[in-house]
C-alpha atoms as a PDB file:
ATOM      1  CA  MET A   1      20.432  -2.448 -15.510  1.00  0.00           C
ATOM      2  CA  CYS A   2      17.156  -3.015 -13.670  1.00  0.00           C
ATOM      3  CA  MET A   3      16.413  -2.766  -9.986  1.00  0.00           C
ATOM      4  CA  VAL A   4      15.093  -5.440  -7.673  1.00  0.00           C
ATOM      5  CA  TYR A   5      12.982  -4.061  -4.829  1.00  0.00           C
ATOM      6  CA  GLU A   6      13.369  -5.929  -1.554  1.00  0.00           C
ATOM      7  CA  VAL A   7      10.959  -5.379   1.328  1.00  0.00           C
ATOM      8  CA  TYR A   8      11.876  -6.313   4.892  1.00  0.00           C
ATOM      9  CA  CYS A   9       9.718  -6.345   7.989  1.00  0.00           C
ATOM     10  CA  GLN A  10      10.357  -4.052  10.942  1.00  0.00           C
ATOM     11  CA  GLN A  11      13.812  -3.602  12.416  1.00  0.00           C
ATOM     12  CA  PRO A  12      14.397  -4.799  15.988  1.00  0.00           C
ATOM     13  CA  ASP A  13      13.488  -2.215  18.649  1.00  0.00           C
ATOM     14  CA  GLY A  14      17.138  -1.816  19.705  1.00  0.00           C
ATOM     15  CA  ASP A  15      18.491  -1.325  16.156  1.00  0.00           C
ATOM     16  CA  ARG A  16      19.270   2.376  16.641  1.00  0.00           C
ATOM     17  CA  PRO A  17      19.863   4.683  14.912  1.00  0.00           C
ATOM     18  CA  TYR A  18      16.991   3.297  12.878  1.00  0.00           C
ATOM     19  CA  ASN A  19      17.215   5.107   9.544  1.00  0.00           C
ATOM     20  CA  LEU A  20      21.021   4.984   9.490  1.00  0.00           C
ATOM     21  CA  LYS A  21      20.965   1.219  10.157  1.00  0.00           C
ATOM     22  CA  ALA A  22      18.379   0.775   7.395  1.00  0.00           C
ATOM     23  CA  ARG A  23      20.631   2.665   4.954  1.00  0.00           C
ATOM     24  CA  GLN A  24      23.617   0.542   5.988  1.00  0.00           C
ATOM     25  CA  PHE A  25      21.569  -2.644   5.620  1.00  0.00           C
ATOM     26  CA  CYS A  26      20.576  -1.773   2.036  1.00  0.00           C
ATOM     27  CA  ARG A  27      24.180  -0.876   1.150  1.00  0.00           C
ATOM     28  CA  GLN A  28      25.175  -4.447   2.020  1.00  0.00           C
ATOM     29  CA  ARG A  29      22.588  -5.995  -0.316  1.00  0.00           C
ATOM     30  CA  SER A  30      23.642  -7.302  -3.732  1.00  0.00           C
ATOM     31  CA  ILE A  31      22.248  -9.807  -6.226  1.00  0.00           C
ATOM     32  CA  GLU A  32      25.658 -11.394  -6.890  1.00  0.00           C
ATOM     33  CA  PRO A  33      28.416 -11.826  -4.279  1.00  0.00           C
ATOM     34  CA  GLN A  34      30.642  -9.095  -5.772  1.00  0.00           C
ATOM     35  CA  GLY A  35      27.855  -7.268  -7.590  1.00  0.00           C
ATOM     36  CA  PRO A  36      26.704  -3.661  -7.244  1.00  0.00           C
ATOM     37  CA  LYS A  37      25.314  -2.735  -3.834  1.00  0.00           C
ATOM     38  CA  GLY A  38      21.847  -1.514  -3.000  1.00  0.00           C
ATOM     39  CA  GLN A  39      20.427   1.542  -1.282  1.00  0.00           C
ATOM     40  CA  LEU A  40      17.168   2.625   0.325  1.00  0.00           C
ATOM     41  CA  ALA A  41      14.581   2.596  -2.447  1.00  0.00           C
ATOM     42  CA  ILE A  42      14.164   5.546  -4.768  1.00  0.00           C
ATOM     43  CA  LEU A  43      10.498   5.828  -5.736  1.00  0.00           C
ATOM     44  CA  ARG A  44      10.966   8.563  -8.292  1.00  0.00           C
ATOM     45  CA  ASN A  45       7.876   7.784 -10.397  1.00  0.00           C
ATOM     46  CA  SER A  46       4.370   6.443  -9.934  1.00  0.00           C
ATOM     47  CA  GLU A  47       5.115   3.093 -11.610  1.00  0.00           C
ATOM     48  CA  ILE A  48       7.893   2.166  -9.171  1.00  0.00           C
ATOM     49  CA  ASN A  49       6.032   3.654  -6.218  1.00  0.00           C
ATOM     50  CA  ASP A  50       2.888   1.661  -7.030  1.00  0.00           C
ATOM     51  CA  LYS A  51       4.853  -1.532  -7.676  1.00  0.00           C
ATOM     52  CA  VAL A  52       6.412  -1.355  -4.187  1.00  0.00           C
ATOM     53  CA  ARG A  53       3.223  -0.233  -2.389  1.00  0.00           C
ATOM     54  CA  TRP A  54       1.068  -2.923  -3.982  1.00  0.00           C
ATOM     55  CA  TYR A  55       3.665  -5.600  -3.263  1.00  0.00           C
ATOM     56  CA  ILE A  56       3.512  -4.613   0.424  1.00  0.00           C
ATOM     57  CA  ILE A  57      -0.296  -4.498   0.484  1.00  0.00           C
ATOM     58  CA  ASP A  58      -0.877  -7.636  -1.624  1.00  0.00           C
ATOM     59  CA  ASN A  59       1.469  -9.664   0.596  1.00  0.00           C
ATOM     60  CA  GLY A  60       0.009  -8.386   3.891  1.00  0.00           C
ATOM     61  CA  LEU A  61       3.285  -6.717   4.888  1.00  0.00           C
ATOM     62  CA  ASP A  62       1.364  -3.606   5.952  1.00  0.00           C
ATOM     63  CA  GLN A  63      -0.070  -5.561   8.898  1.00  0.00           C
ATOM     64  CA  PRO A  64       1.155  -5.676  12.530  1.00  0.00           C
ATOM     65  CA  ASN A  65       2.755  -9.101  12.037  1.00  0.00           C
ATOM     66  CA  CYS A  66       5.346  -7.315   9.829  1.00  0.00           C
ATOM     67  CA  ILE A  67       5.298  -3.682  11.002  1.00  0.00           C
ATOM     68  CA  THR A  68       3.981  -2.515  14.352  1.00  0.00           C
ATOM     69  CA  LYS A  69       5.268   1.042  13.860  1.00  0.00           C
ATOM     70  CA  TYR A  70       3.226   1.690  10.698  1.00  0.00           C
ATOM     71  CA  GLY A  71       5.846   2.248   8.023  1.00  0.00           C
ATOM     72  CA  PHE A  72       8.764   1.346   5.785  1.00  0.00           C
ATOM     73  CA  TRP A  73      11.872   3.475   5.265  1.00  0.00           C
ATOM     74  CA  ILE A  74      12.535   4.667   1.711  1.00  0.00           C
ATOM     75  CA  GLY A  75      15.515   6.646   0.435  1.00  0.00           C
ATOM     76  CA  LEU A  76      14.201  10.209   0.690  1.00  0.00           C
ATOM     77  CA  SER A  77      15.198  12.721   3.366  1.00  0.00           C
ATOM     78  CA  ASP A  78      15.868  16.361   4.139  1.00  0.00           C
ATOM     79  CA  ARG A  79      18.537  15.648   6.766  1.00  0.00           C
ATOM     80  CA  VAL A  80      21.114  17.996   5.196  1.00  0.00           C
ATOM     81  CA  GLN A  81      18.885  21.027   4.527  1.00  0.00           C
ATOM     82  CA  GLU A  82      15.381  21.327   5.982  1.00  0.00           C
ATOM     83  CA  GLY A  83      12.759  21.249   3.258  1.00  0.00           C
ATOM     84  CA  GLU A  84      15.221  20.171   0.544  1.00  0.00           C
ATOM     85  CA  TYR A  85      14.456  16.503  -0.052  1.00  0.00           C
ATOM     86  CA  VAL A  86      17.179  14.366  -1.612  1.00  0.00           C
ATOM     87  CA  TRP A  87      17.023  10.727  -2.732  1.00  0.00           C
ATOM     88  CA  SER A  88      19.572   8.182  -1.514  1.00  0.00           C
ATOM     89  CA  ASP A  89      21.461   8.495  -4.815  1.00  0.00           C
ATOM     90  CA  GLY A  90      22.061  12.204  -4.095  1.00  0.00           C
ATOM     91  CA  VAL A  91      19.521  13.502  -6.647  1.00  0.00           C
ATOM     92  CA  SER A  92      17.246  16.262  -5.410  1.00  0.00           C
ATOM     93  CA  ALA A  93      13.490  15.636  -5.332  1.00  0.00           C
ATOM     94  CA  HIS A  94      12.553  18.960  -6.900  1.00  0.00           C
ATOM     95  CA  PRO A  95       9.132  20.443  -6.233  1.00  0.00           C
ATOM     96  CA  GLY A  96       6.890  19.557  -9.145  1.00  0.00           C
ATOM     97  CA  ASN A  97       8.484  16.121  -9.590  1.00  0.00           C
ATOM     98  CA  PHE A  98       6.536  13.015  -8.640  1.00  0.00           C
ATOM     99  CA  SER A  99       5.670  12.743  -4.941  1.00  0.00           C
ATOM    100  CA  PHE A 100       3.125  10.723  -3.001  1.00  0.00           C
ATOM    101  CA  TYR A 101       2.814  12.511   0.339  1.00  0.00           C
ATOM    102  CA  ALA A 102      -0.202  12.023   2.571  1.00  0.00           C
ATOM    103  CA  PRO A 103      -2.362  15.143   3.018  1.00  0.00           C
ATOM    104  CA  GLY A 104      -0.596  17.645   5.280  1.00  0.00           C
ATOM    105  CA  GLU A 105       2.805  15.991   4.787  1.00  0.00           C
ATOM    106  CA  PRO A 106       5.664  16.638   4.970  1.00  0.00           C
ATOM    107  CA  ASN A 107       5.088  18.663   8.117  1.00  0.00           C
ATOM    108  CA  ASN A 108       8.432  18.392   9.990  1.00  0.00           C
ATOM    109  CA  ASN A 109       6.566  17.836  13.259  1.00  0.00           C
ATOM    110  CA  PRO A 110       8.966  18.780  16.131  1.00  0.00           C
ATOM    111  CA  LYS A 111       6.755  17.227  18.859  1.00  0.00           C
ATOM    112  CA  LYS A 112       9.052  14.280  19.688  1.00  0.00           C
ATOM    113  CA  HIS A 113      12.378  15.754  18.577  1.00  0.00           C
ATOM    114  CA  GLY A 114      13.369  19.397  18.294  1.00  0.00           C
ATOM    115  CA  ASP A 115      14.976  18.901  14.874  1.00  0.00           C
ATOM    116  CA  GLY A 116      11.698  17.614  13.491  1.00  0.00           C
ATOM    117  CA  GLN A 117      11.159  14.845  10.967  1.00  0.00           C
ATOM    118  CA  ASP A 118      13.849  14.393   8.322  1.00  0.00           C
ATOM    119  CA  CYS A 119      13.411  10.850   6.977  1.00  0.00           C
ATOM    120  CA  THR A 120      10.620   9.493   4.768  1.00  0.00           C
ATOM    121  CA  GLN A 121       8.480   6.407   5.226  1.00  0.00           C
ATOM    122  CA  LEU A 122       5.747   4.635   3.334  1.00  0.00           C
ATOM    123  CA  TRP A 123       3.018   5.197   5.903  1.00  0.00           C
ATOM    124  CA  PHE A 124       0.439   2.526   6.638  1.00  0.00           C
ATOM    125  CA  ARG A 125      -1.600   4.220   9.353  1.00  0.00           C
ATOM    126  CA  PHE A 126      -4.968   5.973   9.414  1.00  0.00           C
ATOM    127  CA  GLY A 127      -5.821   4.538   5.976  1.00  0.00           C
ATOM    128  CA  HIS A 128      -2.877   6.158   4.175  1.00  0.00           C
ATOM    129  CA  ASP A 129      -1.987   2.867   2.403  1.00  0.00           C
ATOM    130  CA  GLY A 130       1.651   3.680   1.754  1.00  0.00           C
ATOM    131  CA  LYS A 131       1.461   7.422   1.212  1.00  0.00           C
ATOM    132  CA  TRP A 132       4.725   9.191   2.018  1.00  0.00           C
ATOM    133  CA  ASP A 133       5.238  10.774   5.428  1.00  0.00           C
ATOM    134  CA  ASP A 134       8.193  12.562   6.925  1.00  0.00           C
ATOM    135  CA  GLU A 135       9.213  10.735  10.095  1.00  0.00           C
ATOM    136  CA  TYR A 136      11.736  11.057  12.906  1.00  0.00           C
ATOM    137  CA  CYS A 137      14.889   9.277  11.763  1.00  0.00           C
ATOM    138  CA  ASN A 138      15.556   7.616  15.111  1.00  0.00           C
ATOM    139  CA  GLN A 139      12.259   7.561  17.021  1.00  0.00           C
ATOM    140  CA  ARG A 140      10.699   4.281  15.868  1.00  0.00           C
ATOM    141  CA  PRO A 141      11.903   1.176  14.027  1.00  0.00           C
ATOM    142  CA  LYS A 142      10.407   0.641  10.574  1.00  0.00           C
ATOM    143  CA  GLY A 143      10.327  -1.894   7.805  1.00  0.00           C
ATOM    144  CA  ILE A 144      12.871  -1.345   5.047  1.00  0.00           C
ATOM    145  CA  VAL A 145      12.550  -1.078   1.274  1.00  0.00           C
ATOM    146  CA  CYS A 146      15.858  -1.537  -0.573  1.00  0.00           C
ATOM    147  CA  GLU A 147      16.573  -1.289  -4.257  1.00  0.00           C
ATOM    148  CA  VAL A 148      19.364  -3.515  -5.519  1.00  0.00           C
ATOM    149  CA  PRO A 149      20.844  -3.339  -9.028  1.00  0.00           C
ATOM    150  CA  ASP A 150      20.488  -6.581 -10.956  1.00  0.00           C
ATOM    151  CA  PRO A 151      23.457  -6.886 -13.347  1.00  0.00           C
ATOM    152  CA  CYS A 152      21.720  -9.736 -15.193  1.00  0.00           C
ATOM    153  CA  CYS A 153      18.889  -7.659 -16.635  1.00  0.00           C
ATOM    154  CA  ASN A 154      18.685  -4.347 -18.430  1.00  0.00           C
ATOM    155  CA  SER A 155      15.095  -3.175 -18.049  1.00  0.00           C
ATOM    156  CA  GLU A 156      13.582  -1.540 -14.971  1.00  0.00           C
ATOM    157  CA  ASP A 157      10.302  -3.222 -15.854  1.00  0.00           C
ATOM    158  CA  ALA A 158      11.730  -6.750 -15.559  1.00  0.00           C
END
């Protein structure tokens, strides 16, 4: 079964808690009315990561008319155990596996929240062009990238 990647512009400012609401939103997405449900996107390899990033860039979704808070939520976090990143399907993102973090990230910056930054965004600020960045889960609204299983196809490249 292949995945369809859906990109949505920034959540409303009052849509707190932001990352939780984004996860819930993706879990409601399906291609068919009773079909399998989606989740925040898992960008486990460079091909999928590039496909999503370039879609955002090529369609101008990295601009302020879509996102004023510089990023899109993806399905990677270390909410359960600091420094242990897990994808939204529960699979650990082991060190040495594909990652696309901006230089100096993840840094778990505690400046705006004592628990630090536990959720991951595609970051479109300071010329990072969709590099990954750990972000506060509930500090700022973001765009959302969902992946939704398509029961009608059987190739991830479709």
